Amino acid sequence: MFPYRDELQTLRRPYVTMALIAANVAVWVLVQGAGAPQPLMESVCDLGLIPGELTGLVAPGTSFPLGEGSACVVEAGRHVSHLFTSMFLHGSWVHLLGNMWFLWIFGDNVEDAMTRPRFLAFYLLGGLAAAAAQVAASPSSGVPMVGASGAISAVMGAYLILYPRVRVYALVPLGIFLTSIALPAWSMLLYWAGLQLLSGVASVGDAAGDGVAFWAHVGGFTAGILLVRAFGRTDRVDVRDVERWRPKRLLWG
């Protein structure tokens, strides 16, 4: 199930969301070489968040393979700054584009419910909470964590609280066919969060987690739910007609 739009119009241009997307794309192109093997590996190893490096549970000099003959070597020091830099790194074009799409779908309306500085602070704090959750789940892991998905998960958690009944449209594969369906935001977001939680539980004991930081998604989503009331402005939400979910019909096809 892949969301492609919602019915909630923004009241103002989402400049912070646009700037975050631009920053992620710029880092991907200028720092990570748009996915070229050498700059991609160097950026992930040098600027990604390695839980065991941050916690000090992995000895400096320990090497962890990344596949295709490449490896990251744990460095001395805790590298706290990597909590931030890792939020703007990605592992592939698909990783980047998927994250930026979700940020665009859900970020503009969450930004609309806050002042722009508050939204930026909320986004970064959600990313930190997501990273902390992943580190807590795998404190001795040597696998670098990269991606904006933890912070975006916080945005999705906030959307769940702010706009639970807004109609969201998603593409759903049915065998060889692709159809669309309209659902209230709460059902889609809770379905997604449930998948992340189940996948996180299934990945316990697997340091790599199939390459997906499921606990970062769970931690970010939870942080978004808990923090949104502190950052949101009621007057920016109350002006919307967002409380009524009118299932005129499910839009198949």
Protein backbone atom coordinates (compact mmCIF):
# COMPACT_ATOMS: atom_id res chain seq x y z
CA MET A 1 0.00 0.00 0.00
CA PHE A 2 1.69 3.20 -1.24
CA PRO A 3 0.06 6.59 -0.51
CA TYR A 4 0.16 9.10 -3.34
CA ARG A 5 -1.95 12.02 -2.08
CA ASP A 6 -4.33 13.25 0.59
CA GLU A 7 -7.36 15.54 0.42
CA LEU A 8 -6.13 18.14 2.90
CA GLN A 9 -5.05 21.40 1.27
CA THR A 10 -2.31 23.41 2.93
CA LEU A 11 -3.00 26.95 4.11
CA ARG A 12 0.50 28.18 3.23
CA ARG A 13 3.49 27.06 1.24
CA PRO A 14 5.48 24.37 3.15
CA TYR A 15 8.89 26.00 2.91
CA VAL A 16 10.53 23.88 5.62
CA THR A 17 9.33 20.63 4.06
CA MET A 18 10.61 21.81 0.69
CA ALA A 19 13.95 22.84 2.22
CA LEU A 20 14.35 19.46 3.94
CA ILE A 21 13.70 17.65 0.67
CA ALA A 22 16.19 19.93 -1.11
CA ALA A 23 18.80 19.32 1.61
CA ASN A 24 18.44 15.54 1.35
CA VAL A 25 18.72 15.64 -2.43
CA ALA A 26 21.73 17.98 -2.26
CA VAL A 27 23.54 15.68 0.18
CA TRP A 28 22.77 12.69 -2.02
CA VAL A 29 24.22 14.39 -5.09
CA LEU A 30 27.08 16.43 -3.66
CA VAL A 31 28.26 14.24 -0.77
CA GLN A 32 27.18 10.76 -1.81
CA GLY A 33 27.91 11.14 -5.50
CA ALA A 34 24.32 10.32 -6.47
CA GLY A 35 24.98 6.71 -5.50
CA ALA A 36 28.42 6.22 -7.08
CA PRO A 37 30.03 3.29 -5.20
CA GLN A 38 33.06 5.02 -3.67
CA PRO A 39 31.47 8.25 -2.34
CA LEU A 40 28.40 6.29 -1.26
CA MET A 41 30.47 3.86 0.83
CA GLU A 42 32.66 6.62 2.28
CA SER A 43 29.70 8.79 3.27
CA VAL A 44 27.83 5.92 4.90
CA CYS A 45 30.88 4.83 6.88
CA ASP A 46 32.15 8.32 7.78
CA LEU A 47 28.84 10.09 8.48
CA GLY A 48 26.33 7.31 9.16
CA LEU A 49 25.31 6.38 12.68
CA ILE A 50 27.02 3.18 13.88
CA PRO A 51 25.33 2.14 17.16
CA GLY A 52 28.34 0.24 18.50
CA GLU A 53 30.59 3.21 17.79
CA LEU A 54 28.24 5.59 19.61
CA THR A 55 27.83 3.35 22.65
CA GLY A 56 31.48 2.33 22.75
CA LEU A 57 30.52 -1.36 22.81
CA VAL A 58 32.53 -2.10 19.67
CA ALA A 59 36.30 -1.71 19.81
CA PRO A 60 37.89 0.86 17.47
CA GLY A 61 39.38 -0.80 14.41
CA THR A 62 36.67 -3.46 14.19
CA SER A 63 35.61 -3.98 10.60
CA PHE A 64 32.04 -4.68 9.49
CA PRO A 65 31.36 -5.79 5.90
CA LEU A 66 28.78 -3.87 3.89
CA GLY A 67 28.66 -6.22 0.93
CA GLU A 68 30.31 -6.21 -2.49
CA GLY A 69 33.79 -6.21 -0.95
CA SER A 70 33.30 -3.01 1.08
CA ALA A 71 33.45 -2.60 4.84
CA CYS A 72 33.19 0.05 7.55
CA VAL A 73 35.85 0.32 10.23
CA VAL A 74 34.73 1.54 13.66
CA GLU A 75 36.65 4.65 14.69
CA ALA A 76 37.64 5.88 18.13
CA GLY A 77 35.26 8.40 19.69
CA ARG A 78 31.49 8.54 20.09
CA HIS A 79 30.75 10.76 17.04
CA VAL A 80 27.54 12.23 18.46
CA SER A 81 27.28 14.49 15.39
CA HIS A 82 26.42 11.40 13.35
CA LEU A 83 23.01 11.40 15.03
CA PHE A 84 22.29 14.43 12.83
CA THR A 85 24.32 13.72 9.69
CA SER A 86 22.82 10.25 9.31
CA MET A 87 19.36 11.82 8.87
CA PHE A 88 20.42 13.34 5.55
CA LEU A 89 22.16 10.30 4.06
CA HIS A 90 20.60 7.53 1.98
CA GLY A 91 21.63 4.16 0.61
CA SER A 92 20.13 4.26 -2.89
CA TRP A 93 17.95 6.23 -5.26
CA VAL A 94 14.94 4.15 -4.22
CA HIS A 95 15.66 4.84 -0.56
CA LEU A 96 15.94 8.59 -1.19
CA LEU A 97 12.91 8.94 -3.46
CA GLY A 98 10.68 6.82 -1.21
CA ASN A 99 11.56 8.86 1.86
CA MET A 100 11.14 12.19 0.10
CA TRP A 101 7.76 11.15 -1.27
CA PHE A 102 6.45 10.27 2.19
CA LEU A 103 7.87 13.53 3.56
CA TRP A 104 6.05 15.49 0.86
CA ILE A 105 2.73 13.66 1.34
CA PHE A 106 2.60 14.07 5.13
CA GLY A 107 5.07 16.84 5.94
CA ASP A 108 3.31 19.81 4.38
CA ASN A 109 0.17 19.48 6.51
CA VAL A 110 2.07 18.79 9.72
CA GLU A 111 4.18 21.89 9.02
CA ASP A 112 0.91 23.77 8.49
CA ALA A 113 -0.11 22.91 12.07
CA MET A 114 3.06 24.46 13.54
CA THR A 115 5.18 27.53 13.05
CA ARG A 116 8.01 26.85 10.63
CA PRO A 117 10.76 26.94 13.29
CA ARG A 118 8.70 24.59 15.47
CA PHE A 119 8.28 22.14 12.60
CA LEU A 120 12.01 22.08 11.90
CA ALA A 121 12.74 21.47 15.59
CA PHE A 122 10.04 18.79 15.70
CA TYR A 123 11.49 17.04 12.64
CA LEU A 124 15.05 16.98 13.99
CA LEU A 125 13.95 15.91 17.48
CA GLY A 126 11.87 13.11 15.93
CA GLY A 127 14.93 11.97 14.01
CA LEU A 128 17.01 11.94 17.20
CA ALA A 129 14.35 9.90 19.00
CA ALA A 130 14.28 7.44 16.10
CA ALA A 131 18.05 7.06 16.19
CA ALA A 132 17.98 6.55 19.96
CA ALA A 133 15.40 3.78 19.57
CA GLN A 134 17.52 1.97 16.98
CA VAL A 135 20.66 2.30 19.10
CA ALA A 136 18.79 0.98 22.14
CA ALA A 137 17.57 -2.01 20.11
CA SER A 138 21.02 -2.85 18.71
CA PRO A 139 23.63 -1.14 20.93
CA SER A 140 26.53 -3.25 19.72
CA SER A 141 25.70 -3.21 16.03
CA GLY A 142 28.37 -2.16 13.55
CA VAL A 143 25.91 -1.62 10.71
CA PRO A 144 25.66 2.08 9.78
CA MET A 145 22.21 3.64 10.04
CA VAL A 146 21.32 6.21 7.38
CA GLY A 147 18.13 7.78 6.11
CA ALA A 148 15.46 10.33 6.86
CA SER A 149 12.82 7.70 7.59
CA GLY A 150 13.08 8.02 11.37
CA ALA A 151 12.31 11.74 11.29
CA ILE A 152 9.62 11.17 8.65
CA SER A 153 8.08 8.52 10.90
CA ALA A 154 7.71 11.23 13.55
CA VAL A 155 5.92 13.37 10.97
CA MET A 156 3.58 10.46 10.24
CA GLY A 157 2.88 9.99 13.95
CA ALA A 158 2.00 13.67 14.20
CA TYR A 159 -0.29 13.38 11.17
CA LEU A 160 -2.13 10.53 12.89
CA ILE A 161 -2.93 12.77 15.87
CA LEU A 162 -3.68 15.94 13.91
CA TYR A 163 -5.64 14.60 10.95
CA PRO A 164 -6.86 11.06 11.70
CA ARG A 165 -9.94 11.24 9.47
CA VAL A 166 -8.44 12.90 6.41
CA ARG A 167 -8.91 10.85 3.25
CA VAL A 168 -5.61 9.43 1.95
CA TYR A 169 -5.34 7.74 -1.44
CA ALA A 170 -2.98 4.80 -1.92
CA LEU A 171 -1.94 2.45 -4.69
CA VAL A 172 -2.53 -1.22 -3.90
CA PRO A 173 -1.15 -4.09 -6.05
CA LEU A 174 -3.64 -6.90 -6.70
CA GLY A 175 -1.68 -9.57 -8.51
CA ILE A 176 -0.62 -8.13 -11.84
CA PHE A 177 -3.04 -5.20 -11.49
CA LEU A 178 -2.57 -1.90 -9.68
CA THR A 179 -5.58 -0.23 -8.15
CA SER A 180 -6.24 2.69 -5.81
CA ILE A 181 -8.16 2.94 -2.59
CA ALA A 182 -9.19 5.81 -0.32
CA LEU A 183 -8.86 5.30 3.42
CA PRO A 184 -8.96 7.48 6.52
CA ALA A 185 -5.43 8.44 7.52
CA TRP A 186 -5.63 6.64 10.88
CA SER A 187 -6.15 3.23 9.26
CA MET A 188 -3.28 3.60 6.81
CA LEU A 189 -0.84 5.00 9.36
CA LEU A 190 -1.64 2.42 12.03
CA TYR A 191 -1.31 -0.35 9.43
CA TRP A 192 2.13 0.98 8.50
CA ALA A 193 3.20 1.37 12.13
CA GLY A 194 2.00 -2.15 12.94
CA LEU A 195 4.12 -3.57 10.13
CA GLN A 196 7.19 -1.73 11.47
CA LEU A 197 6.59 -3.04 14.99
CA LEU A 198 6.11 -6.63 13.84
CA SER A 199 9.18 -6.42 11.62
CA GLY A 200 11.19 -4.94 14.48
CA VAL A 201 10.21 -7.79 16.78
CA ALA A 202 11.08 -10.30 14.07
CA SER A 203 14.50 -8.67 13.59
CA VAL A 204 15.53 -9.03 17.25
CA GLY A 205 18.89 -10.76 17.29
CA ASP A 206 19.60 -9.80 13.68
CA ALA A 207 22.06 -6.91 13.83
CA ALA A 208 21.47 -5.98 10.20
CA GLY A 209 17.69 -6.18 10.39
CA ASP A 210 17.59 -6.93 6.65
CA GLY A 211 19.06 -3.47 6.14
CA VAL A 212 15.99 -1.67 7.52
CA ALA A 213 16.01 0.24 10.82
CA PHE A 214 12.57 -0.90 11.94
CA TRP A 215 13.02 0.27 15.52
CA ALA A 216 13.95 3.73 14.27
CA HIS A 217 10.60 3.82 12.49
CA VAL A 218 8.78 2.71 15.63
CA GLY A 219 10.70 5.17 17.81
CA GLY A 220 10.16 8.07 15.43
CA PHE A 221 6.44 7.34 15.05
CA THR A 222 5.99 7.13 18.82
CA ALA A 223 7.93 10.36 19.33
CA GLY A 224 5.74 12.12 16.81
CA ILE A 225 2.59 11.04 18.65
CA LEU A 226 3.97 12.19 22.00
CA LEU A 227 5.53 15.47 20.88
CA VAL A 228 3.01 16.88 18.42
CA ARG A 229 0.84 18.55 21.04
CA ALA A 230 3.85 20.42 22.40
CA PHE A 231 4.81 21.73 18.97
CA GLY A 232 1.44 22.11 17.24
CA ARG A 233 -0.87 25.11 17.34
CA THR A 234 -4.53 24.35 17.89
CA ASP A 235 -5.67 27.43 15.98
CA ARG A 236 -3.90 26.15 12.86
CA VAL A 237 -5.78 22.83 13.00
CA ASP A 238 -9.22 24.00 14.09
CA VAL A 239 -9.72 26.08 10.95
CA ARG A 240 -9.81 22.88 8.87
CA ASP A 241 -12.80 20.67 8.22
CA VAL A 242 -10.84 17.54 9.05
CA GLU A 243 -13.05 15.74 11.54
CA ARG A 244 -15.52 14.22 9.10
CA TRP A 245 -14.65 11.06 7.21
CA ARG A 246 -17.26 10.65 4.50
CA PRO A 247 -16.70 7.33 2.70
CA LYS A 248 -18.65 8.29 -0.41
CA ARG A 249 -17.18 5.19 -1.96
CA LEU A 250 -13.92 3.30 -2.02
CA LEU A 251 -12.15 4.43 -5.13
CA TRP A 252 -11.09 1.23 -6.82
CA GLY A 253 -9.46 1.32 -10.22
